[in-house]
Amino acid sequence: MRSVARGKNTSGVEVQNVSAFGVWLLVGDKELFASYADFPWFKDATIGQVLDVDQPHPGHLYWPQLDVDLAIESLEAPEKFPLVAKPMGKAKTAKRKAKRGV
């Protein structure tokens, strides 16, 4: 019996794993790792928030529930992007979203 070949990934981005150390993503045919040390926005996020990721255009990922935008290049080589913003508290995030009408 032969297995049928898997279909092409049409979503563009898929969360493969969430661990105590970070998040593994599959973007096209590339597997990327976002460690919590380099990308602290994901550390206290819920699984649902992390799984809700879009690729609005090539080279760019967006988590709407977390209001996080990342260039794929920053995931591939986080050492080239040493400035790390601190995650906002829930009150600041809610206030920011209210200002934007979200």
Protein backbone atom coordinates (compact mmCIF):
# COMPACT_ATOMS: atom_id res chain seq x y z
CA MET A 1 0.00 0.00 0.00
CA ARG A 2 1.35 3.43 -0.94
CA SER A 3 0.78 6.60 0.99
CA VAL A 4 -0.60 9.55 -0.87
CA ALA A 5 1.69 12.58 -0.95
CA ARG A 6 0.66 15.39 1.35
CA GLY A 7 -0.89 18.46 -0.18
CA LYS A 8 0.75 21.83 -0.38
CA ASN A 9 0.60 24.04 2.71
CA THR A 10 -1.77 26.84 1.73
CA SER A 11 -1.84 28.79 4.99
CA GLY A 12 1.68 30.18 4.64
CA VAL A 13 2.33 29.96 8.36
CA GLU A 14 1.59 27.30 10.95
CA VAL A 15 2.46 27.00 14.63
CA GLN A 16 4.12 23.60 14.99
CA ASN A 17 4.88 23.52 18.72
CA VAL A 18 4.67 25.65 21.84
CA SER A 19 7.04 24.72 24.66
CA ALA A 20 8.47 26.11 27.87
CA PHE A 21 11.24 27.72 25.78
CA GLY A 22 9.43 29.23 22.83
CA VAL A 23 7.32 28.72 19.73
CA TRP A 24 8.17 26.70 16.61
CA LEU A 25 6.69 27.93 13.34
CA LEU A 26 6.52 26.49 9.86
CA VAL A 27 6.58 29.29 7.29
CA GLY A 28 6.41 27.84 3.80
CA ASP A 29 9.15 25.21 3.89
CA LYS A 30 11.17 26.90 6.67
CA GLU A 31 11.02 25.87 10.31
CA LEU A 32 11.66 28.81 12.63
CA PHE A 33 11.99 29.14 16.40
CA ALA A 34 10.88 32.14 18.43
CA SER A 35 12.46 31.85 21.87
CA TYR A 36 10.78 33.64 24.74
CA ALA A 37 14.13 35.30 25.51
CA ASP A 38 14.14 37.00 22.10
CA PHE A 39 10.37 37.31 21.61
CA PRO A 40 8.84 37.83 25.09
CA TRP A 41 5.35 38.65 23.75
CA PHE A 42 4.60 34.93 23.42
CA LYS A 43 5.66 33.82 26.91
CA ASP A 44 2.44 34.69 28.76
CA ALA A 45 0.11 34.44 25.76
CA THR A 46 -2.58 31.79 25.61
CA ILE A 47 -2.28 28.96 23.11
CA GLY A 48 -5.21 30.44 21.18
CA GLN A 49 -3.44 33.78 20.91
CA VAL A 50 -0.23 32.16 19.65
CA LEU A 51 -2.08 29.97 17.14
CA ASP A 52 -3.87 32.99 15.67
CA VAL A 53 -1.12 34.06 13.27
CA ASP A 54 -1.38 35.44 9.75
CA GLN A 55 1.08 36.10 6.97
CA PRO A 56 -0.27 39.34 5.46
CA HIS A 57 2.52 39.35 2.89
CA PRO A 58 5.76 37.45 2.26
CA GLY A 59 8.39 38.07 4.89
CA HIS A 60 5.94 39.31 7.52
CA LEU A 61 3.92 37.61 10.29
CA TYR A 62 1.16 39.12 12.42
CA TRP A 63 -0.54 37.91 15.60
CA PRO A 64 -3.73 40.04 15.79
CA GLN A 65 -4.74 39.02 19.32
CA LEU A 66 -1.29 39.98 20.62
CA ASP A 67 -0.80 42.96 18.29
CA VAL A 68 2.64 41.57 17.36
CA ASP A 69 4.22 42.15 13.95
CA LEU A 70 7.45 40.36 13.09
CA ALA A 71 9.64 40.22 10.05
CA ILE A 72 10.59 36.64 9.23
CA GLU A 73 14.17 37.86 8.99
CA SER A 74 14.09 38.67 12.73
CA LEU A 75 13.06 35.07 13.46
CA GLU A 76 15.79 33.69 11.20
CA ALA A 77 18.55 35.79 12.79
CA PRO A 78 17.40 37.36 16.08
CA GLU A 79 20.99 38.35 16.89
CA LYS A 80 20.80 40.93 14.07
CA PHE A 81 17.87 42.61 15.85
CA PRO A 82 19.13 43.13 19.42
CA LEU A 83 16.48 45.64 20.49
CA VAL A 84 13.72 43.76 22.25
CA ALA A 85 10.60 45.61 23.31
CA LYS A 86 9.09 44.56 26.58
CA PRO A 87 5.60 43.06 26.43
CA MET A 88 2.88 45.45 27.54
CA GLY A 89 0.75 44.61 30.52
CA LYS A 90 -2.87 43.64 29.92
CA ALA A 91 -4.13 47.10 30.93
CA LYS A 92 -1.83 48.88 28.45
CA THR A 93 -2.75 46.44 25.69
CA ALA A 94 -6.48 46.99 26.30
CA LYS A 95 -6.01 50.77 26.35
CA ARG A 96 -4.02 50.67 23.09
CA LYS A 97 -6.66 48.52 21.38
CA ALA A 98 -9.44 50.82 22.62
CA LYS A 99 -7.67 53.80 21.05
CA ARG A 100 -7.52 51.95 17.74
CA GLY A 101 -11.16 50.87 18.00
CA VAL A 102 -10.35 47.15 18.12
